[in-house]
C-alpha atoms as a PDB file:
ATOM      1  CA  MET A   1      -9.126   1.805   9.334  1.00  0.00           C
ATOM      2  CA  SER A   2      -8.466   3.002   5.503  1.00  0.00           C
ATOM      3  CA  ASP A   3     -11.057   5.033   3.240  1.00  0.00           C
ATOM      4  CA  ALA A   4     -11.933   3.641   0.173  1.00  0.00           C
ATOM      5  CA  PHE A   5     -13.423   5.913  -2.751  1.00  0.00           C
ATOM      6  CA  ALA A   6     -13.134   5.909  -6.715  1.00  0.00           C
ATOM      7  CA  LEU A   7     -10.119   7.880  -8.046  1.00  0.00           C
ATOM      8  CA  GLN A   8     -11.294   8.619 -11.897  1.00  0.00           C
ATOM      9  CA  LEU A   9      -8.158   8.208 -14.414  1.00  0.00           C
ATOM     10  CA  PRO A  10      -8.584   9.278 -18.043  1.00  0.00           C
ATOM     11  CA  SER A  11      -9.632   5.439 -18.643  1.00  0.00           C
ATOM     12  CA  GLY A  12     -12.066   4.941 -15.950  1.00  0.00           C
ATOM     13  CA  GLU A  13     -12.814   4.983 -12.400  1.00  0.00           C
ATOM     14  CA  VAL A  14     -10.192   2.915 -10.442  1.00  0.00           C
ATOM     15  CA  SER A  15     -10.413   1.736  -6.220  1.00  0.00           C
ATOM     16  CA  ALA A  16      -8.232   3.442  -4.344  1.00  0.00           C
ATOM     17  CA  LEU A  17      -7.507   4.059  -0.341  1.00  0.00           C
ATOM     18  CA  ILE A  18      -6.765   6.489   1.490  1.00  0.00           C
ATOM     19  CA  ASP A  19      -4.610   5.815   5.357  1.00  0.00           C
ATOM     20  CA  ALA A  20      -4.698   9.063   7.553  1.00  0.00           C
ATOM     21  CA  GLU A  21      -4.821   9.661  11.339  1.00  0.00           C
ATOM     22  CA  ALA A  22      -5.447  13.159  12.745  1.00  0.00           C
ATOM     23  CA  GLY A  23      -2.457  15.104  13.055  1.00  0.00           C
ATOM     24  CA  ALA A  24      -1.041  14.068   9.800  1.00  0.00           C
ATOM     25  CA  GLN A  25       1.474  16.971   7.938  1.00  0.00           C
ATOM     26  CA  ALA A  26       2.044  14.972   4.576  1.00  0.00           C
ATOM     27  CA  ALA A  27       1.064  12.640   1.894  1.00  0.00           C
ATOM     28  CA  LEU A  28       2.406  10.015   0.129  1.00  0.00           C
ATOM     29  CA  VAL A  29       0.969   8.335  -2.913  1.00  0.00           C
ATOM     30  CA  LEU A  30       1.569   4.517  -2.990  1.00  0.00           C
ATOM     31  CA  ALA A  31       1.562   2.517  -6.057  1.00  0.00           C
ATOM     32  CA  HIS A  32       1.484  -1.356  -5.956  1.00  0.00           C
ATOM     33  CA  GLY A  33       3.715  -3.712  -7.785  1.00  0.00           C
ATOM     34  CA  ALA A  34       2.850  -6.076 -10.537  1.00  0.00           C
ATOM     35  CA  GLY A  35       1.678  -9.230  -8.976  1.00  0.00           C
ATOM     36  CA  ALA A  36      -0.788  -7.960  -5.917  1.00  0.00           C
ATOM     37  CA  GLY A  37      -3.074  -4.927  -5.791  1.00  0.00           C
ATOM     38  CA  MET A  38      -3.026  -1.834  -3.194  1.00  0.00           C
ATOM     39  CA  ARG A  39      -5.034  -4.325  -0.740  1.00  0.00           C
ATOM     40  CA  HIS A  40      -2.042  -6.670  -0.220  1.00  0.00           C
ATOM     41  CA  ALA A  41      -0.458  -6.987   3.222  1.00  0.00           C
ATOM     42  CA  PHE A  42       2.584  -5.231   2.526  1.00  0.00           C
ATOM     43  CA  MET A  43       0.673  -2.091   1.429  1.00  0.00           C
ATOM     44  CA  ALA A  44      -1.542  -1.974   3.781  1.00  0.00           C
ATOM     45  CA  ALA A  45       1.298  -2.634   6.476  1.00  0.00           C
ATOM     46  CA  ILE A  46       3.827   0.481   4.879  1.00  0.00           C
ATOM     47  CA  ALA A  47       0.315   2.570   4.671  1.00  0.00           C
ATOM     48  CA  GLU A  48      -0.609   2.266   8.353  1.00  0.00           C
ATOM     49  CA  GLY A  49       2.653   2.609   9.499  1.00  0.00           C
ATOM     50  CA  LEU A  50       3.589   5.471   8.123  1.00  0.00           C
ATOM     51  CA  ALA A  51       0.033   7.477   8.918  1.00  0.00           C
ATOM     52  CA  ALA A  52       0.974   6.410  12.293  1.00  0.00           C
ATOM     53  CA  ARG A  53       3.791   8.306  12.009  1.00  0.00           C
ATOM     54  CA  GLY A  54       2.153  11.466  10.451  1.00  0.00           C
ATOM     55  CA  VAL A  55       2.276  10.889   6.720  1.00  0.00           C
ATOM     56  CA  ALA A  56      -1.221  10.159   4.888  1.00  0.00           C
ATOM     57  CA  VAL A  57      -0.856   7.574   2.168  1.00  0.00           C
ATOM     58  CA  LEU A  58      -3.345   7.593  -0.830  1.00  0.00           C
ATOM     59  CA  ARG A  59      -3.318   3.762  -2.526  1.00  0.00           C
ATOM     60  CA  PHE A  60      -4.562   3.258  -5.714  1.00  0.00           C
ATOM     61  CA  GLN A  61      -5.239   0.176  -8.238  1.00  0.00           C
ATOM     62  CA  PHE A  62      -3.947   0.476 -11.779  1.00  0.00           C
ATOM     63  CA  PRO A  63      -6.397  -0.747 -14.364  1.00  0.00           C
ATOM     64  CA  PHE A  64      -4.722  -4.265 -14.596  1.00  0.00           C
ATOM     65  CA  MET A  65      -5.212  -5.056 -11.250  1.00  0.00           C
ATOM     66  CA  GLU A  66      -9.127  -3.514 -11.143  1.00  0.00           C
ATOM     67  CA  GLN A  67      -9.390  -5.922 -14.414  1.00  0.00           C
ATOM     68  CA  GLY A  68      -8.563  -9.091 -12.382  1.00  0.00           C
ATOM     69  CA  SER A  69      -5.689  -9.156 -15.282  1.00  0.00           C
ATOM     70  CA  LYS A  70      -1.819 -10.530 -14.517  1.00  0.00           C
ATOM     71  CA  ARG A  71      -0.497  -8.286 -17.487  1.00  0.00           C
ATOM     72  CA  THR A  72       0.119  -5.340 -16.364  1.00  0.00           C
ATOM     73  CA  ASP A  73      -0.569  -1.571 -17.755  1.00  0.00           C
ATOM     74  CA  PRO A  74       1.251  -0.521 -20.166  1.00  0.00           C
ATOM     75  CA  PRO A  75       4.035   2.227 -19.208  1.00  0.00           C
ATOM     76  CA  ALA A  76       1.246   5.215 -20.514  1.00  0.00           C
ATOM     77  CA  ALA A  77      -1.685   3.854 -18.916  1.00  0.00           C
ATOM     78  CA  ALA A  78       0.321   3.274 -16.027  1.00  0.00           C
ATOM     79  CA  GLN A  79       1.835   6.536 -15.376  1.00  0.00           C
ATOM     80  CA  ALA A  80      -1.738   8.097 -16.209  1.00  0.00           C
ATOM     81  CA  ALA A  81      -2.676   6.444 -13.273  1.00  0.00           C
ATOM     82  CA  VAL A  82       0.030   7.674 -10.917  1.00  0.00           C
ATOM     83  CA  ARG A  83      -0.366  11.374 -12.440  1.00  0.00           C
ATOM     84  CA  ALA A  84      -4.288  10.835 -11.416  1.00  0.00           C
ATOM     85  CA  ALA A  85      -3.769  10.121  -7.796  1.00  0.00           C
ATOM     86  CA  VAL A  86      -1.038  12.193  -7.093  1.00  0.00           C
ATOM     87  CA  ALA A  87      -3.441  15.391  -8.376  1.00  0.00           C
ATOM     88  CA  GLU A  88      -6.373  13.580  -5.910  1.00  0.00           C
ATOM     89  CA  ALA A  89      -3.934  13.699  -3.529  1.00  0.00           C
ATOM     90  CA  GLY A  90      -3.357  17.383  -4.192  1.00  0.00           C
ATOM     91  CA  ARG A  91      -6.665  18.016  -4.316  1.00  0.00           C
ATOM     92  CA  ARG A  92      -7.471  16.551  -0.645  1.00  0.00           C
ATOM     93  CA  TRP A  93      -4.287  17.619   0.685  1.00  0.00           C
ATOM     94  CA  PRO A  94      -3.359  21.363  -0.549  1.00  0.00           C
ATOM     95  CA  GLY A  95      -0.366  22.589   0.593  1.00  0.00           C
ATOM     96  CA  TRP A  96       0.777  19.507   2.263  1.00  0.00           C
ATOM     97  CA  PRO A  97       4.578  18.646   1.648  1.00  0.00           C
ATOM     98  CA  LEU A  98       3.901  15.715  -1.263  1.00  0.00           C
ATOM     99  CA  PHE A  99       5.709  12.362  -1.702  1.00  0.00           C
ATOM    100  CA  ALA A 100       5.042   9.736  -4.418  1.00  0.00           C
ATOM    101  CA  GLY A 101       6.284   6.328  -4.667  1.00  0.00           C
ATOM    102  CA  GLY A 102       5.382   2.394  -4.753  1.00  0.00           C
ATOM    103  CA  LYS A 103       6.593  -1.014  -4.363  1.00  0.00           C
ATOM    104  CA  SER A 104       8.436  -2.717  -7.676  1.00  0.00           C
ATOM    105  CA  PHE A 105       6.237  -1.925 -10.730  1.00  0.00           C
ATOM    106  CA  GLY A 106       4.868   1.183  -8.833  1.00  0.00           C
ATOM    107  CA  ALA A 107       8.164   2.574  -8.097  1.00  0.00           C
ATOM    108  CA  ARG A 108       8.952   2.344 -11.666  1.00  0.00           C
ATOM    109  CA  MET A 109       5.966   3.576 -13.215  1.00  0.00           C
ATOM    110  CA  THR A 110       5.851   6.300 -10.601  1.00  0.00           C
ATOM    111  CA  SER A 111       9.731   7.283 -11.681  1.00  0.00           C
ATOM    112  CA  GLN A 112       9.378   7.142 -14.968  1.00  0.00           C
ATOM    113  CA  ALA A 113       6.181   9.472 -14.910  1.00  0.00           C
ATOM    114  CA  GLN A 114       8.657  12.103 -13.250  1.00  0.00           C
ATOM    115  CA  ALA A 115      11.216  11.831 -15.711  1.00  0.00           C
ATOM    116  CA  LEU A 116       8.900  12.215 -18.436  1.00  0.00           C
ATOM    117  CA  ALA A 117       7.254  15.385 -16.885  1.00  0.00           C
ATOM    118  CA  PRO A 118       7.037  16.712 -13.283  1.00  0.00           C
ATOM    119  CA  LEU A 119       4.374  15.075 -11.388  1.00  0.00           C
ATOM    120  CA  PRO A 120       2.683  18.754  -9.515  1.00  0.00           C
ATOM    121  CA  GLY A 121       3.636  19.577  -6.091  1.00  0.00           C
ATOM    122  CA  VAL A 122       5.586  16.262  -5.784  1.00  0.00           C
ATOM    123  CA  ARG A 123       9.035  16.827  -3.543  1.00  0.00           C
ATOM    124  CA  GLY A 124      10.643  13.466  -3.653  1.00  0.00           C
ATOM    125  CA  LEU A 125       9.989   9.842  -4.847  1.00  0.00           C
ATOM    126  CA  VAL A 126       9.996   6.519  -2.301  1.00  0.00           C
ATOM    127  CA  PHE A 127      10.879   3.285  -3.970  1.00  0.00           C
ATOM    128  CA  PHE A 128       9.983   0.438  -1.663  1.00  0.00           C
ATOM    129  CA  GLY A 129      11.929  -2.482  -3.751  1.00  0.00           C
ATOM    130  CA  PHE A 130      13.071  -0.844  -7.247  1.00  0.00           C
ATOM    131  CA  PRO A 131      12.808  -3.620 -10.099  1.00  0.00           C
ATOM    132  CA  LEU A 132      16.259  -2.573 -11.184  1.00  0.00           C
ATOM    133  CA  HIS A 133      15.964  -5.864 -13.734  1.00  0.00           C
ATOM    134  CA  PRO A 134      14.267  -9.505 -14.406  1.00  0.00           C
ATOM    135  CA  ALA A 135      15.358 -11.935 -12.036  1.00  0.00           C
ATOM    136  CA  GLY A 136      18.479 -13.690 -13.129  1.00  0.00           C
ATOM    137  CA  LYS A 137      19.635 -10.694 -15.792  1.00  0.00           C
ATOM    138  CA  PRO A 138      21.173  -8.031 -13.867  1.00  0.00           C
ATOM    139  CA  SER A 139      21.470  -4.834 -15.421  1.00  0.00           C
ATOM    140  CA  THR A 140      20.849  -1.086 -14.817  1.00  0.00           C
ATOM    141  CA  GLN A 141      18.496  -0.306 -17.962  1.00  0.00           C
ATOM    142  CA  ARG A 142      15.352   0.244 -16.089  1.00  0.00           C
ATOM    143  CA  ALA A 143      17.572   2.581 -14.304  1.00  0.00           C
ATOM    144  CA  GLN A 144      18.646   4.830 -16.858  1.00  0.00           C
ATOM    145  CA  HIS A 145      15.667   7.354 -16.742  1.00  0.00           C
ATOM    146  CA  LEU A 146      16.522   8.070 -13.266  1.00  0.00           C
ATOM    147  CA  ALA A 147      18.949  10.268 -14.761  1.00  0.00           C
ATOM    148  CA  GLU A 148      15.895  12.963 -15.488  1.00  0.00           C
ATOM    149  CA  VAL A 149      14.445  12.978 -12.335  1.00  0.00           C
ATOM    150  CA  GLU A 150      14.869  15.899 -10.476  1.00  0.00           C
ATOM    151  CA  LEU A 151      13.759  15.036  -7.294  1.00  0.00           C
ATOM    152  CA  PRO A 152      15.152  14.074  -3.644  1.00  0.00           C
ATOM    153  CA  MET A 153      14.743   9.670  -4.163  1.00  0.00           C
ATOM    154  CA  LEU A 154      15.253   7.130  -1.462  1.00  0.00           C
ATOM    155  CA  PHE A 155      16.080   3.737  -2.776  1.00  0.00           C
ATOM    156  CA  VAL A 156      14.718   1.368  -0.177  1.00  0.00           C
ATOM    157  CA  GLN A 157      16.242  -2.349  -1.032  1.00  0.00           C
ATOM    158  CA  GLY A 158      16.839  -5.773   0.369  1.00  0.00           C
ATOM    159  CA  THR A 159      20.219  -7.774   0.367  1.00  0.00           C
ATOM    160  CA  ARG A 160      18.244 -10.737  -0.910  1.00  0.00           C
ATOM    161  CA  ASP A 161      16.465  -9.054  -3.860  1.00  0.00           C
ATOM    162  CA  ALA A 162      16.673 -11.266  -6.627  1.00  0.00           C
ATOM    163  CA  LEU A 163      15.095  -8.316  -8.908  1.00  0.00           C
ATOM    164  CA  ALA A 164      18.144  -5.772  -7.518  1.00  0.00           C
ATOM    165  CA  ASP A 165      21.247  -6.630  -7.447  1.00  0.00           C
ATOM    166  CA  LEU A 166      22.822  -5.043  -4.594  1.00  0.00           C
ATOM    167  CA  ASP A 167      26.116  -4.047  -6.280  1.00  0.00           C
ATOM    168  CA  LEU A 168      24.430  -2.507  -8.985  1.00  0.00           C
ATOM    169  CA  VAL A 169      21.739  -0.275  -7.035  1.00  0.00           C
ATOM    170  CA  ARG A 170      25.076   0.980  -5.503  1.00  0.00           C
ATOM    171  CA  THR A 171      25.902   1.887  -8.572  1.00  0.00           C
ATOM    172  CA  THR A 172      23.232   3.316  -9.692  1.00  0.00           C
ATOM    173  CA  THR A 173      22.560   5.109  -6.618  1.00  0.00           C
ATOM    174  CA  ALA A 174      26.204   6.808  -6.973  1.00  0.00           C
ATOM    175  CA  GLN A 175      25.611   8.169 -10.198  1.00  0.00           C
ATOM    176  CA  LEU A 176      22.472   9.990  -9.081  1.00  0.00           C
ATOM    177  CA  GLY A 177      24.428  11.843  -6.735  1.00  0.00           C
ATOM    178  CA  PRO A 178      23.070  13.434  -3.903  1.00  0.00           C
ATOM    179  CA  ARG A 179      19.801  13.416  -5.130  1.00  0.00           C
ATOM    180  CA  ALA A 180      19.737   9.437  -4.073  1.00  0.00           C
ATOM    181  CA  LEU A 181      19.751   7.923  -0.449  1.00  0.00           C
ATOM    182  CA  LEU A 182      20.035   4.038  -0.802  1.00  0.00           C
ATOM    183  CA  HIS A 183      18.437   2.390   2.574  1.00  0.00           C
ATOM    184  CA  VAL A 184      19.369  -1.385   2.831  1.00  0.00           C
ATOM    185  CA  VAL A 185      17.473  -3.767   4.696  1.00  0.00           C
ATOM    186  CA  GLU A 186      19.956  -6.631   5.409  1.00  0.00           C
ATOM    187  CA  GLY A 187      18.529 -10.137   4.767  1.00  0.00           C
ATOM    188  CA  ALA A 188      14.856  -9.051   3.377  1.00  0.00           C
ATOM    189  CA  ASP A 189      14.111 -10.186  -0.592  1.00  0.00           C
ATOM    190  CA  HIS A 190      12.236  -8.553  -3.030  1.00  0.00           C
ATOM    191  CA  GLY A 191       8.705  -8.743  -0.764  1.00  0.00           C
ATOM    192  CA  PHE A 192      11.069  -7.552   2.446  1.00  0.00           C
ATOM    193  CA  GLU A 193      10.582 -10.857   3.998  1.00  0.00           C
ATOM    194  CA  VAL A 194      13.752 -12.246   5.982  1.00  0.00           C
ATOM    195  CA  LEU A 195      14.835 -16.095   6.849  1.00  0.00           C
ATOM    196  CA  LYS A 196      14.321 -17.388  10.453  1.00  0.00           C
ATOM    197  CA  ARG A 197      17.635 -17.384  10.849  1.00  0.00           C
ATOM    198  CA  SER A 198      18.261 -13.981  10.353  1.00  0.00           C
ATOM    199  CA  GLY A 199      16.898 -13.431  13.664  1.00  0.00           C
ATOM    200  CA  ARG A 200      14.495 -10.336  12.690  1.00  0.00           C
ATOM    201  CA  THR A 201      10.706 -11.251  12.023  1.00  0.00           C
ATOM    202  CA  ASN A 202       8.877  -9.499   9.036  1.00  0.00           C
ATOM    203  CA  ASP A 203       6.872  -7.278  11.051  1.00  0.00           C
ATOM    204  CA  GLN A 204      10.002  -5.908  12.738  1.00  0.00           C
ATOM    205  CA  VAL A 205      11.205  -5.400   8.533  1.00  0.00           C
ATOM    206  CA  ILE A 206       8.512  -2.910   8.279  1.00  0.00           C
ATOM    207  CA  GLU A 207       9.117  -0.971  10.896  1.00  0.00           C
ATOM    208  CA  GLU A 208      12.654  -0.710   9.872  1.00  0.00           C
ATOM    209  CA  LEU A 209      10.615  -0.061   6.194  1.00  0.00           C
ATOM    210  CA  VAL A 210       8.065   2.750   7.388  1.00  0.00           C
ATOM    211  CA  ASP A 211      10.867   4.165  10.459  1.00  0.00           C
ATOM    212  CA  SER A 212      13.379   5.042   7.343  1.00  0.00           C
ATOM    213  CA  ALA A 213      10.766   6.427   4.776  1.00  0.00           C
ATOM    214  CA  ALA A 214       9.106   9.036   7.546  1.00  0.00           C
ATOM    215  CA  ALA A 215      12.905   9.912   9.045  1.00  0.00           C
ATOM    216  CA  TRP A 216      13.454  10.831   5.093  1.00  0.00           C
ATOM    217  CA  MET A 217      10.192  12.598   4.644  1.00  0.00           C
ATOM    218  CA  ARG A 218      11.007  14.797   7.616  1.00  0.00           C
ATOM    219  CA  GLN A 219      14.327  15.445   6.269  1.00  0.00           C
ATOM    220  CA  HIS A 220      12.619  17.214   3.355  1.00  0.00           C
ATOM    221  CA  GLY A 221      10.632  19.290   5.658  1.00  0.00           C
ATOM    222  CA  ALA A 222       7.540  16.970   5.685  1.00  0.00           C
ATOM    223  CA  VAL A 223       7.392  15.438   9.464  1.00  0.00           C
ATOM    224  CA  ALA A 224       7.890  17.350  12.654  1.00  0.00           C
ATOM    225  CA  SER A 225      10.215  15.544  15.063  1.00  0.00           C
END
């Protein structure tokens, strides 16, 4: 069960949630995407799955979502929210290995924040569906700032993601060198949903996502085997 609290931002308060189980050994600050908030089924499934694998998860609302707006926050405001959430995680779990990231827009805002100034205590970034470009407009312009991220990065990307041409994702991660690991989810779209003919269910895909993320954090010293 998630524990709700108010997260203090420079601009005011937003809602936040924590998923954690006894024996947790690391924490992930998980930011939501542009079209759905922290309580979306995908976000809840990732948080619950990671919590069951020893990673506490702190979710939070970006201000625009808290206010019920469909217009995303300016980057500076979104990045300030990421920083506040990371600071809160550091206060709640001092000394724990800390990771940050998110889904789509949340992934990009987290990486931009890290590129501008290191997020205190964060040892790696986890991206679920990094939005490399707008739908139908393949480009790597949105990835340019990643060259400034001097942390390990995990990219979890679906092969049917309309916002991330897989060839361009492969090129981007290759250019980042050993800092970047790409985990490809066969048949998944930007929301990590798969077609019935894939032979897999969406729940099975979620299991793959949380397994891959937990394993990657384990490799970086976060979770015991």
